Amino acid sequence: MGRRLVLMRHAKSDWSNAGLGDHERPLNGRGRRSTPAVAAELRARGFVPDAVASSDSQRTTETWLLLAAELGLDVEPRWSSDLYLAGPATILGAAATLPAEATCGLILGHNPGMSEAATLLAGLPMELRTADAALFEADGDAWPGAADRAAWRLVWLVRSRDLAP
């Protein structure tokens, strides 16, 4: 059957309100515009998630809601404070615990951890900018664990800046 995995960084956030903490920062206009274009690209490439694990920050929550609306999904993410500013081991650990019945998982989070996790899986340096997504595939009926990095193959890198109006 195989597995598909999307490692995605949240869309561009709004820094205009200096009184907000980092966790509470929302998306800015560019972030709200770019996310539907990324969702359309995920659909076109066959990477529509049926399981999601996401940081519980405001900007990742908004990014997910925009993705889900564009894709017409009714998937409830597993919100996790552990994925807020997580390192690659935590991110890949979240991927390994996606539901067994899911075939395409999305992990939504922050840098530098998302870029580091994508680099580990791809085996080459990767920088995920805001709303970028690295698309991976693995063979088999189970989600490869964090230690099974060699199981994943990089299929595509979605660059939001190349898609968004």
N, C-alpha and C. Protein backbone atom coordinates (compact mmCIF):
# COMPACT_ATOMS: atom_id res chain seq x y z
N MET A 1 0.83 -1.19 0.00
CA MET A 1 0.00 0.00 0.00
C MET A 1 0.87 1.25 0.00
N GLY A 2 1.82 1.35 0.89
CA GLY A 2 2.69 2.51 0.96
C GLY A 2 2.10 3.64 1.79
N ARG A 3 2.97 4.55 2.15
CA ARG A 3 2.61 5.71 2.96
C ARG A 3 3.11 6.97 2.29
N ARG A 4 2.38 8.04 2.49
CA ARG A 4 2.79 9.36 2.03
C ARG A 4 2.83 10.29 3.24
N LEU A 5 3.82 11.15 3.24
CA LEU A 5 4.02 12.06 4.36
C LEU A 5 4.31 13.46 3.85
N VAL A 6 3.62 14.42 4.43
CA VAL A 6 3.84 15.84 4.13
C VAL A 6 4.41 16.49 5.39
N LEU A 7 5.61 17.04 5.28
CA LEU A 7 6.17 17.86 6.35
C LEU A 7 6.00 19.30 5.89
N MET A 8 5.22 20.05 6.64
CA MET A 8 4.89 21.42 6.21
C MET A 8 5.13 22.42 7.32
N ARG A 9 5.71 23.53 6.92
CA ARG A 9 5.88 24.66 7.84
C ARG A 9 4.64 25.55 7.73
N HIS A 10 4.22 26.12 8.84
CA HIS A 10 3.07 27.04 8.84
C HIS A 10 3.26 28.15 7.84
N ALA A 11 2.16 28.78 7.46
CA ALA A 11 2.21 29.92 6.53
C ALA A 11 2.74 31.16 7.25
N LYS A 12 2.97 32.20 6.47
CA LYS A 12 3.58 33.44 6.96
C LYS A 12 2.75 34.07 8.09
N SER A 13 3.44 34.42 9.16
CA SER A 13 2.73 34.96 10.33
C SER A 13 2.81 36.47 10.40
N ASP A 14 1.94 37.03 11.21
CA ASP A 14 1.78 38.47 11.36
C ASP A 14 2.55 38.93 12.60
N TRP A 15 3.50 39.82 12.38
CA TRP A 15 4.32 40.34 13.48
C TRP A 15 3.89 41.74 13.90
N SER A 16 2.75 42.23 13.43
CA SER A 16 2.38 43.63 13.66
C SER A 16 1.97 43.93 15.10
N ASN A 17 1.51 42.94 15.84
CA ASN A 17 1.09 43.16 17.21
C ASN A 17 2.19 42.70 18.16
N ALA A 18 3.01 43.63 18.61
CA ALA A 18 4.15 43.31 19.47
C ALA A 18 3.72 42.76 20.83
N GLY A 19 2.46 42.96 21.20
CA GLY A 19 1.97 42.47 22.48
C GLY A 19 1.64 40.99 22.49
N LEU A 20 1.58 40.36 21.32
CA LEU A 20 1.26 38.94 21.26
C LEU A 20 2.51 38.09 21.49
N GLY A 21 2.33 37.01 22.22
CA GLY A 21 3.41 36.06 22.38
C GLY A 21 3.59 35.27 21.09
N ASP A 22 4.71 34.63 20.94
CA ASP A 22 5.00 33.87 19.72
C ASP A 22 3.94 32.81 19.43
N HIS A 23 3.49 32.12 20.43
CA HIS A 23 2.50 31.04 20.27
C HIS A 23 1.16 31.57 19.75
N GLU A 24 0.83 32.82 20.07
CA GLU A 24 -0.47 33.40 19.72
C GLU A 24 -0.47 34.16 18.40
N ARG A 25 0.68 34.25 17.74
CA ARG A 25 0.77 35.04 16.52
C ARG A 25 -0.07 34.43 15.40
N PRO A 26 -0.96 35.21 14.75
CA PRO A 26 -1.80 34.70 13.66
C PRO A 26 -1.07 34.78 12.32
N LEU A 27 -1.74 34.36 11.27
CA LEU A 27 -1.22 34.50 9.91
C LEU A 27 -1.41 35.94 9.44
N ASN A 28 -0.56 36.35 8.52
CA ASN A 28 -0.76 37.65 7.88
C ASN A 28 -1.48 37.43 6.54
N GLY A 29 -1.71 38.48 5.80
CA GLY A 29 -2.44 38.37 4.54
C GLY A 29 -1.77 37.44 3.55
N ARG A 30 -0.45 37.53 3.44
CA ARG A 30 0.26 36.65 2.52
C ARG A 30 0.11 35.19 2.92
N GLY A 31 0.15 34.93 4.22
CA GLY A 31 -0.04 33.56 4.70
C GLY A 31 -1.42 33.03 4.36
N ARG A 32 -2.44 33.87 4.53
CA ARG A 32 -3.81 33.46 4.20
C ARG A 32 -4.00 33.25 2.69
N ARG A 33 -3.27 34.00 1.88
CA ARG A 33 -3.39 33.85 0.41
C ARG A 33 -2.60 32.64 -0.10
N SER A 34 -1.45 32.37 0.48
CA SER A 34 -0.59 31.31 -0.05
C SER A 34 -1.08 29.91 0.31
N THR A 35 -1.73 29.74 1.42
CA THR A 35 -2.11 28.41 1.88
C THR A 35 -3.06 27.68 0.94
N PRO A 36 -4.10 28.31 0.41
CA PRO A 36 -4.96 27.59 -0.54
C PRO A 36 -4.20 27.13 -1.79
N ALA A 37 -3.23 27.90 -2.24
CA ALA A 37 -2.44 27.49 -3.41
C ALA A 37 -1.61 26.25 -3.09
N VAL A 38 -1.07 26.18 -1.88
CA VAL A 38 -0.32 24.99 -1.46
C VAL A 38 -1.27 23.79 -1.38
N ALA A 39 -2.45 23.99 -0.84
CA ALA A 39 -3.44 22.91 -0.76
C ALA A 39 -3.77 22.38 -2.16
N ALA A 40 -3.95 23.26 -3.11
CA ALA A 40 -4.25 22.85 -4.49
C ALA A 40 -3.10 22.03 -5.07
N GLU A 41 -1.87 22.41 -4.75
CA GLU A 41 -0.71 21.65 -5.23
C GLU A 41 -0.64 20.28 -4.56
N LEU A 42 -0.95 20.20 -3.28
CA LEU A 42 -0.99 18.90 -2.60
C LEU A 42 -2.01 17.99 -3.28
N ARG A 43 -3.18 18.54 -3.58
CA ARG A 43 -4.22 17.76 -4.26
C ARG A 43 -3.73 17.28 -5.62
N ALA A 44 -3.14 18.17 -6.39
CA ALA A 44 -2.67 17.84 -7.74
C ALA A 44 -1.61 16.73 -7.71
N ARG A 45 -0.84 16.67 -6.65
CA ARG A 45 0.23 15.67 -6.54
C ARG A 45 -0.23 14.41 -5.79
N GLY A 46 -1.50 14.38 -5.38
CA GLY A 46 -2.03 13.19 -4.72
C GLY A 46 -1.65 13.06 -3.26
N PHE A 47 -1.31 14.16 -2.61
CA PHE A 47 -0.92 14.17 -1.21
C PHE A 47 -2.00 14.85 -0.36
N VAL A 48 -3.18 14.27 -0.33
CA VAL A 48 -4.29 14.80 0.47
C VAL A 48 -4.29 14.05 1.79
N PRO A 49 -4.02 14.73 2.89
CA PRO A 49 -3.87 14.03 4.17
C PRO A 49 -5.18 13.46 4.72
N ASP A 50 -5.07 12.25 5.25
CA ASP A 50 -6.19 11.66 5.98
C ASP A 50 -5.86 11.52 7.46
N ALA A 51 -4.70 12.03 7.86
CA ALA A 51 -4.31 12.12 9.27
C ALA A 51 -3.38 13.32 9.42
N VAL A 52 -3.54 14.05 10.51
CA VAL A 52 -2.77 15.29 10.72
C VAL A 52 -2.32 15.38 12.16
N ALA A 53 -1.06 15.72 12.34
CA ALA A 53 -0.54 16.08 13.66
C ALA A 53 0.03 17.49 13.51
N SER A 54 -0.34 18.38 14.40
CA SER A 54 0.04 19.78 14.26
C SER A 54 0.39 20.41 15.60
N SER A 55 1.31 21.35 15.52
CA SER A 55 1.55 22.24 16.64
C SER A 55 0.23 22.92 16.98
N ASP A 56 0.08 23.29 18.23
CA ASP A 56 -1.16 23.95 18.65
C ASP A 56 -1.07 25.48 18.62
N SER A 57 -0.07 26.02 17.94
CA SER A 57 0.04 27.48 17.86
C SER A 57 -1.07 28.06 17.00
N GLN A 58 -1.30 29.35 17.14
CA GLN A 58 -2.34 30.02 16.36
C GLN A 58 -2.05 29.94 14.86
N ARG A 59 -0.80 30.16 14.46
CA ARG A 59 -0.48 30.18 13.03
C ARG A 59 -0.55 28.80 12.39
N THR A 60 -0.23 27.74 13.12
CA THR A 60 -0.39 26.40 12.55
C THR A 60 -1.87 26.03 12.50
N THR A 61 -2.63 26.43 13.50
CA THR A 61 -4.07 26.17 13.50
C THR A 61 -4.73 26.84 12.29
N GLU A 62 -4.41 28.11 12.06
CA GLU A 62 -4.98 28.82 10.92
C GLU A 62 -4.53 28.20 9.60
N THR A 63 -3.27 27.79 9.52
CA THR A 63 -2.78 27.15 8.30
C THR A 63 -3.58 25.89 8.03
N TRP A 64 -3.80 25.06 9.06
CA TRP A 64 -4.58 23.84 8.86
C TRP A 64 -6.01 24.15 8.41
N LEU A 65 -6.65 25.11 9.05
CA LEU A 65 -8.04 25.42 8.70
C LEU A 65 -8.16 25.86 7.23
N LEU A 66 -7.19 26.62 6.74
CA LEU A 66 -7.20 27.04 5.34
C LEU A 66 -6.93 25.86 4.40
N LEU A 67 -6.00 24.99 4.77
CA LEU A 67 -5.75 23.78 3.98
C LEU A 67 -7.00 22.91 3.90
N ALA A 68 -7.58 22.65 5.07
CA ALA A 68 -8.76 21.78 5.14
C ALA A 68 -9.92 22.34 4.33
N ALA A 69 -10.13 23.66 4.39
CA ALA A 69 -11.22 24.28 3.63
C ALA A 69 -10.99 24.11 2.14
N GLU A 70 -9.78 24.35 1.69
CA GLU A 70 -9.47 24.23 0.26
C GLU A 70 -9.58 22.79 -0.23
N LEU A 71 -9.18 21.84 0.62
CA LEU A 71 -9.21 20.43 0.24
C LEU A 71 -10.55 19.77 0.52
N GLY A 72 -11.45 20.49 1.21
CA GLY A 72 -12.75 19.92 1.56
C GLY A 72 -12.64 18.78 2.55
N LEU A 73 -11.72 18.90 3.50
CA LEU A 73 -11.46 17.83 4.46
C LEU A 73 -12.16 18.06 5.79
N ASP A 74 -12.55 16.95 6.38
CA ASP A 74 -13.12 16.96 7.73
C ASP A 74 -12.25 16.06 8.62
N VAL A 75 -10.97 16.37 8.65
CA VAL A 75 -10.00 15.61 9.43
C VAL A 75 -9.67 16.43 10.67
N GLU A 76 -9.81 15.83 11.83
CA GLU A 76 -9.47 16.52 13.08
C GLU A 76 -8.00 16.27 13.39
N PRO A 77 -7.19 17.32 13.39
CA PRO A 77 -5.77 17.13 13.71
C PRO A 77 -5.57 16.68 15.15
N ARG A 78 -4.46 16.04 15.37
CA ARG A 78 -4.00 15.76 16.73
C ARG A 78 -3.13 16.97 17.09
N TRP A 79 -3.73 17.91 17.85
CA TRP A 79 -3.04 19.13 18.24
C TRP A 79 -2.05 18.79 19.35
N SER A 80 -0.85 19.32 19.25
CA SER A 80 0.16 18.97 20.23
C SER A 80 1.06 20.15 20.56
N SER A 81 1.16 20.43 21.84
CA SER A 81 2.12 21.45 22.27
C SER A 81 3.55 20.94 22.09
N ASP A 82 3.72 19.61 22.03
CA ASP A 82 5.05 19.04 21.80
C ASP A 82 5.60 19.40 20.42
N LEU A 83 4.72 19.67 19.46
CA LEU A 83 5.17 20.02 18.11
C LEU A 83 5.45 21.51 17.95
N TYR A 84 5.16 22.29 18.99
CA TYR A 84 5.47 23.72 18.96
C TYR A 84 6.98 23.87 19.11
N LEU A 85 7.63 24.36 18.05
CA LEU A 85 9.08 24.54 18.01
C LEU A 85 9.84 23.24 18.26
N ALA A 86 9.27 22.12 17.81
CA ALA A 86 9.85 20.79 18.03
C ALA A 86 11.09 20.57 17.18
N GLY A 87 11.93 19.69 17.68
CA GLY A 87 13.09 19.24 16.92
C GLY A 87 12.71 18.09 16.01
N PRO A 88 13.63 17.66 15.17
CA PRO A 88 13.33 16.62 14.20
C PRO A 88 12.92 15.28 14.81
N ALA A 89 13.49 14.91 15.94
CA ALA A 89 13.11 13.63 16.56
C ALA A 89 11.64 13.63 16.97
N THR A 90 11.16 14.73 17.52
CA THR A 90 9.76 14.83 17.91
C THR A 90 8.85 14.83 16.69
N ILE A 91 9.25 15.53 15.64
CA ILE A 91 8.46 15.60 14.41
C ILE A 91 8.36 14.21 13.77
N LEU A 92 9.49 13.54 13.63
CA LEU A 92 9.47 12.20 13.02
C LEU A 92 8.79 11.19 13.93
N GLY A 93 8.87 11.40 15.23
CA GLY A 93 8.14 10.55 16.17
C GLY A 93 6.64 10.70 16.00
N ALA A 94 6.18 11.91 15.73
CA ALA A 94 4.75 12.15 15.49
C ALA A 94 4.30 11.44 14.22
N ALA A 95 5.16 11.45 13.20
CA ALA A 95 4.82 10.77 11.95
C ALA A 95 4.68 9.26 12.18
N ALA A 96 5.53 8.71 13.00
CA ALA A 96 5.51 7.26 13.25
C ALA A 96 4.28 6.82 14.03
N THR A 97 3.59 7.76 14.68
CA THR A 97 2.42 7.41 15.49
C THR A 97 1.10 7.79 14.81
N LEU A 98 1.15 8.11 13.52
CA LEU A 98 -0.09 8.39 12.81
C LEU A 98 -0.94 7.12 12.77
N PRO A 99 -2.25 7.25 12.66
CA PRO A 99 -3.11 6.07 12.68
C PRO A 99 -2.76 5.06 11.58
N ALA A 100 -2.82 3.79 11.92
CA ALA A 100 -2.45 2.72 10.99
C ALA A 100 -3.28 2.75 9.72
N GLU A 101 -4.53 3.17 9.82
CA GLU A 101 -5.41 3.18 8.63
C GLU A 101 -5.14 4.36 7.70
N ALA A 102 -4.40 5.34 8.16
CA ALA A 102 -4.09 6.52 7.34
C ALA A 102 -3.03 6.17 6.31
N THR A 103 -3.18 6.72 5.11
CA THR A 103 -2.18 6.49 4.06
C THR A 103 -1.40 7.75 3.71
N CYS A 104 -1.92 8.91 4.08
CA CYS A 104 -1.21 10.17 3.84
C CYS A 104 -1.29 11.02 5.10
N GLY A 105 -0.15 11.27 5.70
CA GLY A 105 -0.11 12.06 6.92
C GLY A 105 0.52 13.41 6.69
N LEU A 106 0.06 14.38 7.45
CA LEU A 106 0.61 15.73 7.43
C LEU A 106 1.10 16.07 8.83
N ILE A 107 2.34 16.52 8.91
CA ILE A 107 2.88 17.06 10.16
C ILE A 107 3.09 18.55 9.90
N LEU A 108 2.45 19.37 10.69
CA LEU A 108 2.45 20.82 10.50
C LEU A 108 3.14 21.47 11.69
N GLY A 109 4.20 22.22 11.41
CA GLY A 109 4.94 22.81 12.52
C GLY A 109 5.79 23.99 12.12
N HIS A 110 6.94 24.11 12.79
CA HIS A 110 7.77 25.31 12.78
C HIS A 110 9.22 24.98 12.42
N ASN A 111 9.93 26.01 12.04
CA ASN A 111 11.38 25.89 11.88
C ASN A 111 12.07 26.24 13.18
N PRO A 112 13.25 25.75 13.40
CA PRO A 112 14.10 25.03 12.45
C PRO A 112 13.79 23.53 12.35
N GLY A 113 12.94 23.02 13.23
CA GLY A 113 12.69 21.58 13.28
C GLY A 113 12.13 20.99 12.00
N MET A 114 11.22 21.70 11.33
CA MET A 114 10.64 21.14 10.10
C MET A 114 11.70 21.00 9.02
N SER A 115 12.55 22.01 8.86
CA SER A 115 13.62 21.91 7.86
C SER A 115 14.60 20.81 8.23
N GLU A 116 14.91 20.68 9.50
CA GLU A 116 15.84 19.64 9.95
C GLU A 116 15.26 18.24 9.72
N ALA A 117 13.96 18.06 9.99
CA ALA A 117 13.32 16.77 9.76
C ALA A 117 13.29 16.44 8.27
N ALA A 118 12.96 17.42 7.45
CA ALA A 118 12.95 17.20 6.00
C ALA A 118 14.35 16.86 5.50
N THR A 119 15.36 17.53 6.03
CA THR A 119 16.75 17.24 5.66
C THR A 119 17.12 15.81 6.02
N LEU A 120 16.74 15.36 7.20
CA LEU A 120 17.05 13.98 7.61
C LEU A 120 16.40 12.96 6.69
N LEU A 121 15.12 13.18 6.36
CA LEU A 121 14.42 12.21 5.51
C LEU A 121 14.93 12.25 4.07
N ALA A 122 15.21 13.44 3.56
CA ALA A 122 15.64 13.58 2.17
C ALA A 122 17.10 13.17 1.97
N GLY A 123 17.89 13.30 3.03
CA GLY A 123 19.31 13.00 2.90
C GLY A 123 20.08 14.10 2.18
N LEU A 124 19.48 15.29 2.14
CA LEU A 124 20.14 16.45 1.55
C LEU A 124 19.61 17.70 2.22
N PRO A 125 20.39 18.77 2.21
CA PRO A 125 19.96 19.99 2.91
C PRO A 125 18.66 20.55 2.33
N MET A 126 17.73 20.85 3.21
CA MET A 126 16.45 21.41 2.80
C MET A 126 16.08 22.55 3.73
N GLU A 127 15.57 23.62 3.16
CA GLU A 127 15.05 24.72 3.96
C GLU A 127 13.58 24.90 3.61
N LEU A 128 12.73 24.67 4.59
CA LEU A 128 11.30 24.90 4.40
C LEU A 128 10.99 26.32 4.86
N ARG A 129 10.65 27.16 3.91
CA ARG A 129 10.21 28.51 4.24
C ARG A 129 8.72 28.45 4.58
N THR A 130 8.15 29.57 4.95
CA THR A 130 6.74 29.56 5.34
C THR A 130 5.87 29.00 4.23
N ALA A 131 4.98 28.09 4.64
CA ALA A 131 4.01 27.39 3.79
C ALA A 131 4.64 26.45 2.78
N ASP A 132 5.93 26.15 2.91
CA ASP A 132 6.55 25.13 2.07
C ASP A 132 6.23 23.75 2.62
N ALA A 133 6.21 22.77 1.73
CA ALA A 133 5.89 21.40 2.13
C ALA A 133 6.80 20.42 1.40
N ALA A 134 7.40 19.51 2.14
CA ALA A 134 8.21 18.44 1.56
C ALA A 134 7.35 17.18 1.53
N LEU A 135 7.28 16.55 0.35
CA LEU A 135 6.42 15.39 0.14
C LEU A 135 7.28 14.14 0.04
N PHE A 136 6.96 13.15 0.87
CA PHE A 136 7.74 11.92 0.94
C PHE A 136 6.84 10.71 0.74
N GLU A 137 7.45 9.62 0.27
CA GLU A 137 6.77 8.33 0.16
C GLU A 137 7.62 7.25 0.80
N ALA A 138 6.94 6.22 1.31
CA ALA A 138 7.61 5.04 1.84
C ALA A 138 6.78 3.81 1.47
N ASP A 139 7.44 2.70 1.27
CA ASP A 139 6.74 1.45 0.99
C ASP A 139 6.30 0.82 2.31
N GLY A 140 5.36 -0.10 2.23
CA GLY A 140 4.97 -0.85 3.41
C GLY A 140 3.61 -0.47 3.96
N ASP A 141 3.16 -1.29 4.90
CA ASP A 141 1.83 -1.13 5.49
C ASP A 141 1.83 -0.36 6.80
N ALA A 142 3.00 0.02 7.29
CA ALA A 142 3.08 0.71 8.58
C ALA A 142 3.83 2.02 8.40
N TRP A 143 3.64 2.92 9.34
CA TRP A 143 4.36 4.18 9.32
C TRP A 143 5.79 3.95 9.79
N PRO A 144 6.78 4.25 8.94
CA PRO A 144 8.17 4.09 9.38
C PRO A 144 8.46 4.95 10.60
N GLY A 145 9.23 4.40 11.51
CA GLY A 145 9.59 5.13 12.71
C GLY A 145 10.66 6.16 12.46
N ALA A 146 10.92 6.97 13.46
CA ALA A 146 11.93 8.02 13.36
C ALA A 146 13.30 7.45 13.03
N ALA A 147 13.57 6.23 13.47
CA ALA A 147 14.85 5.60 13.20
C ALA A 147 14.93 5.04 11.78
N ASP A 148 13.80 4.96 11.08
CA ASP A 148 13.73 4.39 9.74
C ASP A 148 13.81 5.47 8.67
N ARG A 149 14.72 6.41 8.83
CA ARG A 149 14.81 7.54 7.90
C ARG A 149 15.04 7.09 6.47
N ALA A 150 15.78 6.01 6.28
CA ALA A 150 16.10 5.55 4.92
C ALA A 150 14.87 5.00 4.19
N ALA A 151 13.78 4.75 4.92
CA ALA A 151 12.56 4.24 4.28
C ALA A 151 11.88 5.28 3.41
N TRP A 152 12.14 6.56 3.68
CA TRP A 152 11.43 7.64 2.98
C TRP A 152 12.19 8.10 1.75
N ARG A 153 11.42 8.44 0.71
CA ARG A 153 11.94 9.02 -0.53
C ARG A 153 11.30 10.39 -0.73
N LEU A 154 12.12 11.40 -0.99
CA LEU A 154 11.59 12.71 -1.31
C LEU A 154 10.97 12.66 -2.70
N VAL A 155 9.71 13.07 -2.81
CA VAL A 155 9.00 13.06 -4.08
C VAL A 155 8.96 14.46 -4.69
N TRP A 156 8.69 15.46 -3.85
CA TRP A 156 8.54 16.81 -4.36
C TRP A 156 8.71 17.81 -3.22
N LEU A 157 9.13 18.99 -3.57
CA LEU A 157 9.19 20.10 -2.62
C LEU A 157 8.28 21.19 -3.14
N VAL A 158 7.23 21.48 -2.40
CA VAL A 158 6.28 22.52 -2.77
C VAL A 158 6.79 23.83 -2.19
N ARG A 159 7.09 24.77 -3.06
CA ARG A 159 7.55 26.10 -2.66
C ARG A 159 6.38 27.07 -2.81
N SER A 160 5.87 27.55 -1.69
CA SER A 160 4.68 28.42 -1.74
C SER A 160 4.93 29.68 -2.55
N ARG A 161 6.13 30.20 -2.50
CA ARG A 161 6.41 31.44 -3.23
C ARG A 161 6.29 31.25 -4.74
N ASP A 162 6.41 30.00 -5.21
CA ASP A 162 6.26 29.71 -6.64
C ASP A 162 4.80 29.54 -7.04
N LEU A 163 3.91 29.43 -6.06
CA LEU A 163 2.51 29.14 -6.33
C LEU A 163 1.56 30.31 -6.07
N ALA A 164 1.86 31.05 -5.01
CA ALA A 164 0.93 32.05 -4.50
C ALA A 164 0.85 33.28 -5.42
N PRO A 165 -0.34 33.86 -5.46
CA PRO A 165 -0.51 35.09 -6.26
C PRO A 165 0.24 36.26 -5.67
